[in-house]
C-alpha atoms as a PDB file:
ATOM      1  CA  MET A   1    -115.890  26.167 -16.752  1.00  0.00           C
ATOM      2  CA  ALA A   2    -114.903  28.425 -13.999  1.00  0.00           C
ATOM      3  CA  ARG A   3    -111.842  26.191 -13.044  1.00  0.00           C
ATOM      4  CA  THR A   4    -110.471  25.829 -16.276  1.00  0.00           C
ATOM      5  CA  ARG A   5    -110.267  30.189 -16.179  1.00  0.00           C
ATOM      6  CA  VAL A   6    -108.342  30.002 -12.795  1.00  0.00           C
ATOM      7  CA  ARG A   7    -105.916  26.892 -14.598  1.00  0.00           C
ATOM      8  CA  ILE A   8    -105.076  29.525 -16.993  1.00  0.00           C
ATOM      9  CA  THR A   9    -104.842  32.764 -15.006  1.00  0.00           C
ATOM     10  CA  SER A  10    -102.246  30.615 -13.049  1.00  0.00           C
ATOM     11  CA  LEU A  11    -100.000  29.852 -16.128  1.00  0.00           C
ATOM     12  CA  LEU A  12    -100.279  33.289 -17.533  1.00  0.00           C
ATOM     13  CA  ALA A  13     -98.772  34.662 -14.034  1.00  0.00           C
ATOM     14  CA  LEU A  14     -96.042  31.780 -13.828  1.00  0.00           C
ATOM     15  CA  SER A  15     -95.222  32.696 -17.700  1.00  0.00           C
ATOM     16  CA  ALA A  16     -94.891  36.491 -16.783  1.00  0.00           C
ATOM     17  CA  ALA A  17     -92.887  35.270 -13.531  1.00  0.00           C
ATOM     18  CA  LEU A  18     -90.194  33.907 -15.303  1.00  0.00           C
ATOM     19  CA  PHE A  19     -89.611  36.105 -18.333  1.00  0.00           C
ATOM     20  CA  LEU A  20     -89.508  38.792 -15.841  1.00  0.00           C
ATOM     21  CA  THR A  21     -86.480  36.410 -13.762  1.00  0.00           C
ATOM     22  CA  ALA A  22     -84.829  35.998 -16.815  1.00  0.00           C
ATOM     23  CA  ALA A  23     -84.525  39.629 -17.979  1.00  0.00           C
ATOM     24  CA  CYS A  24     -83.389  40.621 -14.467  1.00  0.00           C
ATOM     25  CA  GLY A  25     -80.086  38.888 -14.630  1.00  0.00           C
ATOM     26  CA  ASN A  26     -80.059  34.737 -15.360  1.00  0.00           C
ATOM     27  CA  ASP A  27     -79.056  35.581 -18.436  1.00  0.00           C
ATOM     28  CA  PRO A  28     -76.525  37.979 -19.512  1.00  0.00           C
ATOM     29  CA  SER A  29     -77.651  41.194 -21.371  1.00  0.00           C
ATOM     30  CA  PRO A  30     -75.383  41.995 -24.560  1.00  0.00           C
ATOM     31  CA  GLN A  31     -73.918  44.992 -22.359  1.00  0.00           C
ATOM     32  CA  ASP A  32     -72.991  42.177 -19.773  1.00  0.00           C
ATOM     33  CA  THR A  33     -71.534  40.440 -22.211  1.00  0.00           C
ATOM     34  CA  LYS A  34     -69.446  42.568 -23.549  1.00  0.00           C
ATOM     35  CA  SER A  35     -68.036  43.601 -20.422  1.00  0.00           C
ATOM     36  CA  GLU A  36     -67.209  39.949 -19.429  1.00  0.00           C
ATOM     37  CA  ALA A  37     -64.920  39.884 -23.314  1.00  0.00           C
ATOM     38  CA  GLY A  38     -63.151  43.199 -22.487  1.00  0.00           C
ATOM     39  CA  PRO A  39     -59.756  43.355 -20.666  1.00  0.00           C
ATOM     40  CA  GLN A  40     -60.477  42.258 -16.613  1.00  0.00           C
ATOM     41  CA  PRO A  41     -58.032  44.193 -13.837  1.00  0.00           C
ATOM     42  CA  GLN A  42     -54.727  43.030 -13.384  1.00  0.00           C
ATOM     43  CA  ALA A  43     -53.598  41.669 -10.017  1.00  0.00           C
ATOM     44  CA  LYS A  44     -52.621  43.656  -7.286  1.00  0.00           C
ATOM     45  CA  LYS A  45     -48.715  43.218  -7.086  1.00  0.00           C
ATOM     46  CA  PRO A  46     -47.477  42.669  -4.137  1.00  0.00           C
ATOM     47  CA  VAL A  47     -45.631  44.905  -1.551  1.00  0.00           C
ATOM     48  CA  VAL A  48     -42.292  43.792  -0.721  1.00  0.00           C
ATOM     49  CA  VAL A  49     -40.016  44.498   2.664  1.00  0.00           C
ATOM     50  CA  VAL A  50     -37.023  42.862   2.437  1.00  0.00           C
ATOM     51  CA  THR A  51     -34.013  43.337   5.861  1.00  0.00           C
ATOM     52  CA  THR A  52     -31.100  44.008   3.205  1.00  0.00           C
ATOM     53  CA  THR A  53     -30.359  45.118  -0.473  1.00  0.00           C
ATOM     54  CA  TRP A  54     -29.265  40.857  -1.003  1.00  0.00           C
ATOM     55  CA  GLU A  55     -32.611  39.951  -0.246  1.00  0.00           C
ATOM     56  CA  GLY A  56     -33.892  42.758  -2.427  1.00  0.00           C
ATOM     57  CA  ALA A  57     -32.310  41.522  -5.415  1.00  0.00           C
ATOM     58  CA  PHE A  58     -33.573  38.527  -5.107  1.00  0.00           C
ATOM     59  CA  ALA A  59     -37.034  39.773  -4.813  1.00  0.00           C
ATOM     60  CA  LYS A  60     -36.356  41.956  -7.770  1.00  0.00           C
ATOM     61  CA  ALA A  61     -34.995  39.115  -9.739  1.00  0.00           C
ATOM     62  CA  ALA A  62     -38.296  37.120  -8.548  1.00  0.00           C
ATOM     63  CA  GLY A  63     -40.189  39.826 -10.771  1.00  0.00           C
ATOM     64  CA  ALA A  64     -41.284  41.579  -7.493  1.00  0.00           C
ATOM     65  CA  GLU A  65     -41.065  45.652  -8.452  1.00  0.00           C
ATOM     66  CA  ASP A  66     -42.623  46.911  -5.417  1.00  0.00           C
ATOM     67  CA  VAL A  67     -39.449  46.853  -3.062  1.00  0.00           C
ATOM     68  CA  LYS A  68     -38.802  48.280   0.783  1.00  0.00           C
ATOM     69  CA  VAL A  69     -34.948  47.864   1.819  1.00  0.00           C
ATOM     70  CA  ILE A  70     -34.890  47.986   5.698  1.00  0.00           C
ATOM     71  CA  VAL A  71     -31.012  48.287   5.976  1.00  0.00           C
ATOM     72  CA  PRO A  72     -29.076  51.051   4.279  1.00  0.00           C
ATOM     73  CA  GLN A  73     -26.652  50.414   1.970  1.00  0.00           C
ATOM     74  CA  SER A  74     -24.427  52.182   3.997  1.00  0.00           C
ATOM     75  CA  VAL A  75     -24.242  50.143   6.396  1.00  0.00           C
ATOM     76  CA  HIS A  76     -21.255  47.594   5.995  1.00  0.00           C
ATOM     77  CA  HIS A  77     -22.376  44.614   7.924  1.00  0.00           C
ATOM     78  CA  ALA A  78     -25.935  44.736   8.376  1.00  0.00           C
ATOM     79  CA  PRO A  79     -26.753  41.902  10.701  1.00  0.00           C
ATOM     80  CA  ASP A  80     -25.401  44.941  13.287  1.00  0.00           C
ATOM     81  CA  TYR A  81     -28.511  47.395  12.313  1.00  0.00           C
ATOM     82  CA  ASP A  82     -30.922  48.032  14.457  1.00  0.00           C
ATOM     83  CA  PRO A  83     -34.186  48.250  12.880  1.00  0.00           C
ATOM     84  CA  LYS A  84     -35.761  51.766  13.306  1.00  0.00           C
ATOM     85  CA  PRO A  85     -39.570  51.973  14.404  1.00  0.00           C
ATOM     86  CA  SER A  86     -40.534  53.300  10.993  1.00  0.00           C
ATOM     87  CA  ASP A  87     -38.785  50.013   9.599  1.00  0.00           C
ATOM     88  CA  LEU A  88     -40.894  47.953  11.691  1.00  0.00           C
ATOM     89  CA  ALA A  89     -44.140  50.362  10.570  1.00  0.00           C
ATOM     90  CA  ALA A  90     -43.248  49.917   6.727  1.00  0.00           C
ATOM     91  CA  VAL A  91     -42.703  45.464   7.507  1.00  0.00           C
ATOM     92  CA  ALA A  92     -46.662  45.645   8.694  1.00  0.00           C
ATOM     93  CA  LYS A  93     -47.821  47.071   5.284  1.00  0.00           C
ATOM     94  CA  ALA A  94     -46.209  44.597   3.401  1.00  0.00           C
ATOM     95  CA  ASP A  95     -47.610  41.771   1.903  1.00  0.00           C
ATOM     96  CA  PHE A  96     -44.249  39.831   2.081  1.00  0.00           C
ATOM     97  CA  VAL A  97     -41.453  40.318   4.180  1.00  0.00           C
ATOM     98  CA  LEU A  98     -38.152  38.515   3.628  1.00  0.00           C
ATOM     99  CA  TYR A  99     -34.969  37.597   5.913  1.00  0.00           C
ATOM    100  CA  ALA A 100     -32.293  35.440   6.331  1.00  0.00           C
ATOM    101  CA  PRO A 101     -31.921  33.779   9.879  1.00  0.00           C
ATOM    102  CA  PHE A 102     -29.267  34.812  10.426  1.00  0.00           C
ATOM    103  CA  GLU A 103     -29.670  38.222  10.781  1.00  0.00           C
ATOM    104  CA  PRO A 104     -30.379  39.178  14.740  1.00  0.00           C
ATOM    105  CA  TYR A 105     -33.018  41.704  14.092  1.00  0.00           C
ATOM    106  CA  ALA A 106     -35.432  38.664  12.263  1.00  0.00           C
ATOM    107  CA  ALA A 107     -37.456  38.073  15.665  1.00  0.00           C
ATOM    108  CA  LYS A 108     -37.953  41.750  15.527  1.00  0.00           C
ATOM    109  CA  ILE A 109     -38.930  41.449  11.853  1.00  0.00           C
ATOM    110  CA  LYS A 110     -41.481  38.531  12.319  1.00  0.00           C
ATOM    111  CA  GLU A 111     -43.043  40.506  15.900  1.00  0.00           C
ATOM    112  CA  ALA A 112     -43.709  43.404  13.191  1.00  0.00           C
ATOM    113  CA  ALA A 113     -45.447  41.684  10.896  1.00  0.00           C
ATOM    114  CA  GLY A 114     -48.379  40.685  12.358  1.00  0.00           C
ATOM    115  CA  SER A 115     -51.018  38.549  10.744  1.00  0.00           C
ATOM    116  CA  LYS A 116     -50.768  40.094   7.363  1.00  0.00           C
ATOM    117  CA  ALA A 117     -47.101  39.952   5.951  1.00  0.00           C
ATOM    118  CA  LYS A 118     -46.090  36.193   4.527  1.00  0.00           C
ATOM    119  CA  LEU A 119     -42.828  36.182   6.634  1.00  0.00           C
ATOM    120  CA  VAL A 120     -40.570  34.360   3.702  1.00  0.00           C
ATOM    121  CA  GLU A 121     -36.996  32.783   4.849  1.00  0.00           C
ATOM    122  CA  VAL A 122     -34.334  33.238   1.877  1.00  0.00           C
ATOM    123  CA  ASN A 123     -31.188  31.083   1.511  1.00  0.00           C
ATOM    124  CA  LEU A 124     -28.409  33.661   1.043  1.00  0.00           C
ATOM    125  CA  ASP A 125     -25.939  32.180  -1.369  1.00  0.00           C
ATOM    126  CA  ASN A 126     -24.903  33.346  -4.582  1.00  0.00           C
ATOM    127  CA  ASP A 127     -24.389  29.707  -5.302  1.00  0.00           C
ATOM    128  CA  PRO A 128     -25.917  29.833  -9.170  1.00  0.00           C
ATOM    129  CA  ASP A 129     -28.347  26.836  -8.336  1.00  0.00           C
ATOM    130  CA  LYS A 130     -29.182  27.731  -4.945  1.00  0.00           C
ATOM    131  CA  VAL A 131     -30.089  31.441  -6.097  1.00  0.00           C
ATOM    132  CA  LYS A 132     -32.208  30.087  -9.452  1.00  0.00           C
ATOM    133  CA  ALA A 133     -33.741  27.683  -6.639  1.00  0.00           C
ATOM    134  CA  GLU A 134     -34.771  30.538  -4.402  1.00  0.00           C
ATOM    135  CA  VAL A 135     -36.013  32.840  -7.102  1.00  0.00           C
ATOM    136  CA  ASP A 136     -38.313  30.049  -8.563  1.00  0.00           C
ATOM    137  CA  LYS A 137     -39.831  30.119  -5.031  1.00  0.00           C
ATOM    138  CA  LEU A 138     -40.197  33.744  -4.717  1.00  0.00           C
ATOM    139  CA  GLY A 139     -41.982  33.714  -7.683  1.00  0.00           C
ATOM    140  CA  ALA A 140     -44.679  31.306  -7.238  1.00  0.00           C
ATOM    141  CA  LEU A 141     -45.332  33.354  -4.390  1.00  0.00           C
ATOM    142  CA  PHE A 142     -45.209  36.526  -5.984  1.00  0.00           C
ATOM    143  CA  GLY A 143     -47.914  35.194  -8.681  1.00  0.00           C
ATOM    144  CA  THR A 144     -44.771  36.469 -10.817  1.00  0.00           C
ATOM    145  CA  ALA A 145     -43.313  33.035 -12.252  1.00  0.00           C
ATOM    146  CA  ASP A 146     -42.813  34.193 -15.655  1.00  0.00           C
ATOM    147  CA  ALA A 147     -41.303  37.334 -14.924  1.00  0.00           C
ATOM    148  CA  ALA A 148     -38.898  34.716 -12.734  1.00  0.00           C
ATOM    149  CA  THR A 149     -38.240  32.148 -15.504  1.00  0.00           C
ATOM    150  CA  ARG A 150     -37.057  35.416 -17.893  1.00  0.00           C
ATOM    151  CA  TRP A 151     -34.352  36.467 -15.491  1.00  0.00           C
ATOM    152  CA  LYS A 152     -32.937  32.789 -14.656  1.00  0.00           C
ATOM    153  CA  GLY A 153     -32.560  32.947 -18.874  1.00  0.00           C
ATOM    154  CA  GLY A 154     -30.596  35.959 -18.681  1.00  0.00           C
ATOM    155  CA  PHE A 155     -28.918  35.230 -15.416  1.00  0.00           C
ATOM    156  CA  ASP A 156     -27.436  31.648 -17.142  1.00  0.00           C
ATOM    157  CA  THR A 157     -26.369  33.847 -20.392  1.00  0.00           C
ATOM    158  CA  GLU A 158     -24.438  36.611 -18.435  1.00  0.00           C
ATOM    159  CA  TYR A 159     -22.740  33.898 -16.141  1.00  0.00           C
ATOM    160  CA  ALA A 160     -21.779  31.521 -18.976  1.00  0.00           C
ATOM    161  CA  LYS A 161     -20.212  34.734 -20.150  1.00  0.00           C
ATOM    162  CA  LEU A 162     -18.452  35.317 -16.869  1.00  0.00           C
ATOM    163  CA  ASN A 163     -16.929  32.140 -16.325  1.00  0.00           C
ATOM    164  CA  LYS A 164     -15.734  31.795 -19.415  1.00  0.00           C
ATOM    165  CA  GLU A 165     -13.710  35.299 -19.035  1.00  0.00           C
ATOM    166  CA  VAL A 166     -12.003  34.521 -15.612  1.00  0.00           C
ATOM    167  CA  GLN A 167     -10.655  31.253 -16.758  1.00  0.00           C
ATOM    168  CA  ALA A 168      -9.473  32.808 -19.501  1.00  0.00           C
ATOM    169  CA  GLY A 169      -7.129  34.527 -17.053  1.00  0.00           C
ATOM    170  CA  TRP A 170      -6.042  31.466 -15.263  1.00  0.00           C
ATOM    171  CA  PRO A 171      -2.617  32.192 -14.327  1.00  0.00           C
ATOM    172  CA  GLY A 172      -0.595  29.812 -16.848  1.00  0.00           C
ATOM    173  CA  GLY A 173      -3.573  28.128 -18.287  1.00  0.00           C
ATOM    174  CA  ARG A 174      -4.983  26.293 -14.920  1.00  0.00           C
ATOM    175  CA  SER A 175      -6.961  26.315 -12.273  1.00  0.00           C
ATOM    176  CA  PRO A 176      -5.396  28.508  -9.535  1.00  0.00           C
ATOM    177  CA  SER A 177      -5.779  27.051  -5.951  1.00  0.00           C
ATOM    178  CA  VAL A 178      -7.982  29.303  -3.834  1.00  0.00           C
ATOM    179  CA  VAL A 179      -8.808  29.474   0.054  1.00  0.00           C
ATOM    180  CA  THR A 180     -12.532  30.496   0.275  1.00  0.00           C
ATOM    181  CA  GLN A 181     -14.250  32.550   3.463  1.00  0.00           C
ATOM    182  CA  VAL A 182     -17.633  30.075   3.781  1.00  0.00           C
ATOM    183  CA  PHE A 183     -19.721  32.631   2.420  1.00  0.00           C
ATOM    184  CA  THR A 184     -17.415  33.126  -0.566  1.00  0.00           C
ATOM    185  CA  ALA A 185     -17.016  29.985  -1.896  1.00  0.00           C
ATOM    186  CA  TRP A 186     -19.336  30.720  -4.841  1.00  0.00           C
ATOM    187  CA  SER A 187     -16.907  32.967  -6.628  1.00  0.00           C
ATOM    188  CA  ALA A 188     -14.510  30.260  -6.377  1.00  0.00           C
ATOM    189  CA  LYS A 189     -17.265  28.355  -8.759  1.00  0.00           C
ATOM    190  CA  LEU A 190     -17.303  31.143 -10.772  1.00  0.00           C
ATOM    191  CA  ALA A 191     -13.524  31.359 -11.475  1.00  0.00           C
ATOM    192  CA  GLY A 192     -13.772  27.299 -12.255  1.00  0.00           C
ATOM    193  CA  ALA A 193     -11.296  26.941  -8.696  1.00  0.00           C
ATOM    194  CA  THR A 194     -12.094  24.125  -6.155  1.00  0.00           C
ATOM    195  CA  PRO A 195     -11.402  25.182  -3.083  1.00  0.00           C
ATOM    196  CA  VAL A 196      -8.593  23.691  -0.871  1.00  0.00           C
ATOM    197  CA  GLY A 197      -9.706  25.448   2.474  1.00  0.00           C
ATOM    198  CA  THR A 198     -12.128  27.207   3.844  1.00  0.00           C
ATOM    199  CA  TYR A 199     -12.354  29.452   7.660  1.00  0.00           C
ATOM    200  CA  GLY A 200     -14.702  31.747   9.088  1.00  0.00           C
ATOM    201  CA  PRO A 201     -17.195  32.946   9.769  1.00  0.00           C
ATOM    202  CA  GLU A 202     -15.095  33.605  12.975  1.00  0.00           C
ATOM    203  CA  ALA A 203     -11.371  34.940  13.014  1.00  0.00           C
ATOM    204  CA  VAL A 204      -8.810  32.299  11.543  1.00  0.00           C
ATOM    205  CA  THR A 205      -6.977  30.511  14.887  1.00  0.00           C
ATOM    206  CA  ALA A 206      -3.335  30.050  14.721  1.00  0.00           C
ATOM    207  CA  ALA A 207      -4.355  25.998  13.969  1.00  0.00           C
ATOM    208  CA  GLN A 208      -6.508  26.817  11.228  1.00  0.00           C
ATOM    209  CA  LEU A 209      -3.269  29.467  10.243  1.00  0.00           C
ATOM    210  CA  ALA A 210      -1.008  26.876   9.687  1.00  0.00           C
ATOM    211  CA  GLU A 211      -3.504  24.257   8.079  1.00  0.00           C
ATOM    212  CA  LEU A 212      -4.253  26.611   5.511  1.00  0.00           C
ATOM    213  CA  ALA A 213      -0.943  28.159   4.555  1.00  0.00           C
ATOM    214  CA  ALA A 214       0.107  24.846   4.087  1.00  0.00           C
ATOM    215  CA  LYS A 215      -2.320  24.262   1.354  1.00  0.00           C
ATOM    216  CA  LYS A 216      -0.075  27.096  -0.458  1.00  0.00           C
ATOM    217  CA  PRO A 217      -2.733  28.408  -2.145  1.00  0.00           C
ATOM    218  CA  GLU A 218      -2.729  31.120  -4.690  1.00  0.00           C
ATOM    219  CA  LEU A 219      -5.950  33.500  -3.778  1.00  0.00           C
ATOM    220  CA  VAL A 220      -7.856  33.861  -0.861  1.00  0.00           C
ATOM    221  CA  LEU A 221     -11.106  34.747  -1.210  1.00  0.00           C
ATOM    222  CA  ASP A 222     -11.914  37.137   1.409  1.00  0.00           C
ATOM    223  CA  ASN A 223     -15.683  38.297   2.396  1.00  0.00           C
ATOM    224  CA  ALA A 224     -15.955  42.449   2.027  1.00  0.00           C
ATOM    225  CA  HIS A 225     -18.504  42.444   4.506  1.00  0.00           C
ATOM    226  CA  MET A 226     -17.040  40.435   7.656  1.00  0.00           C
ATOM    227  CA  SER A 227     -13.891  41.026   6.587  1.00  0.00           C
ATOM    228  CA  THR A 228     -10.795  39.783   9.645  1.00  0.00           C
ATOM    229  CA  GLY A 229      -7.941  41.399   7.789  1.00  0.00           C
ATOM    230  CA  THR A 230      -5.230  39.747   5.816  1.00  0.00           C
ATOM    231  CA  VAL A 231      -6.009  36.106   6.190  1.00  0.00           C
ATOM    232  CA  LEU A 232      -2.871  34.565   5.781  1.00  0.00           C
ATOM    233  CA  PRO A 233       0.075  36.962   5.705  1.00  0.00           C
ATOM    234  CA  ASP A 234       3.393  35.908   4.985  1.00  0.00           C
ATOM    235  CA  SER A 235       2.422  32.904   2.489  1.00  0.00           C
ATOM    236  CA  GLY A 236       2.612  34.278  -0.638  1.00  0.00           C
ATOM    237  CA  ALA A 237      -1.459  34.294  -1.345  1.00  0.00           C
ATOM    238  CA  LYS A 238      -3.203  36.937  -3.193  1.00  0.00           C
ATOM    239  CA  GLN A 239      -5.955  38.072  -1.049  1.00  0.00           C
ATOM    240  CA  VAL A 240      -9.108  38.947  -3.146  1.00  0.00           C
ATOM    241  CA  LYS A 241     -12.256  41.228  -1.773  1.00  0.00           C
ATOM    242  CA  ILE A 242     -15.319  39.508  -2.702  1.00  0.00           C
ATOM    243  CA  VAL A 243     -18.906  41.640  -2.236  1.00  0.00           C
ATOM    244  CA  ASN A 244     -21.332  39.658  -1.841  1.00  0.00           C
ATOM    245  CA  TYR A 245     -24.614  42.554  -1.508  1.00  0.00           C
ATOM    246  CA  PRO A 246     -25.854  44.322  -4.420  1.00  0.00           C
ATOM    247  CA  GLY A 247     -26.315  47.800  -4.470  1.00  0.00           C
ATOM    248  CA  GLU A 248     -29.405  50.538  -4.303  1.00  0.00           C
ATOM    249  CA  ASP A 249     -30.751  49.089  -7.705  1.00  0.00           C
ATOM    250  CA  LEU A 250     -30.662  45.560  -6.753  1.00  0.00           C
ATOM    251  CA  ASP A 251     -29.164  44.139  -9.611  1.00  0.00           C
ATOM    252  CA  LEU A 252     -27.490  40.992  -8.654  1.00  0.00           C
ATOM    253  CA  LEU A 253     -25.894  40.627 -11.973  1.00  0.00           C
ATOM    254  CA  THR A 254     -23.283  43.319 -10.953  1.00  0.00           C
ATOM    255  CA  VAL A 255     -22.248  41.136  -7.572  1.00  0.00           C
ATOM    256  CA  TYR A 256     -21.111  38.714 -10.602  1.00  0.00           C
ATOM    257  CA  ARG A 257     -19.711  40.798 -12.496  1.00  0.00           C
ATOM    258  CA  ASN A 258     -17.331  42.751  -9.699  1.00  0.00           C
ATOM    259  CA  ALA A 259     -16.321  39.268  -8.548  1.00  0.00           C
ATOM    260  CA  ALA A 260     -15.347  38.196 -11.920  1.00  0.00           C
ATOM    261  CA  THR A 261     -13.350  41.537 -12.656  1.00  0.00           C
ATOM    262  CA  GLU A 262     -11.118  41.468  -8.899  1.00  0.00           C
ATOM    263  CA  LEU A 263     -10.578  37.793 -10.497  1.00  0.00           C
ATOM    264  CA  LYS A 264      -9.127  38.646 -12.989  1.00  0.00           C
ATOM    265  CA  LYS A 265      -6.945  41.575 -11.621  1.00  0.00           C
ATOM    266  CA  ALA A 266      -6.091  39.274  -9.061  1.00  0.00           C
ATOM    267  CA  MET A 267      -4.943  36.666 -11.103  1.00  0.00           C
ATOM    268  CA  GLY A 268      -3.320  38.901 -13.489  1.00  0.00           C
ATOM    269  CA  ALA A 269      -1.172  39.885 -10.629  1.00  0.00           C
ATOM    270  CA  SER A 270      -0.246  36.346  -9.269  1.00  0.00           C
END
């Protein structure tokens, strides 16, 4: 009989322990269930530091909202800029740092980034296919893929509109022959023209001058940020200044709109 009482007492103790365990959190209480079903906090938006407005425009297109630009927009030739200590301090606080490999201060940027920031090399080319590929890449890194996709939709619509407008201004209804600086070939594509020659980034040599002039181009699409003056003097070609970098608003579409305006003006005068 004593042995039976011990067994019953043990079973009662075990049942009590299981009850207390369940009450203390193994099963969610009504309040816990309501909390889980409610709105969850959004993921922290990435802090992005970029070397120039060009990288900044790519970041903004990809969905980044907190973007700091190191090189001031007033600096005409960005690779000449020497980052200040305050610039490098901003880099160290970033989640992502965007730079281009041709920028001579890239090494300083990498060193300042330390172990926290993710360094991202950006292919700075305004060719529409390359732009969309970079925006896709950055959107995936930032966790803003949906915003990047929306931007690309708007970009395609605007680009098609500008391309049609520029082609409507072709002299005599035919595509003009053009020579481009190596970093402005995208603007020839916007005009629907195939370049007959390219030059740069170094200054044009006498041999190159003769070769390009022999192509008899109607337009020379020069890089406003690396201009060496009149490229083909006495050739009769109209030189067009093409700007690659967007303004402080980091709106990349403005670059295409401005290029389209300059191309239409040049073709109207040719």
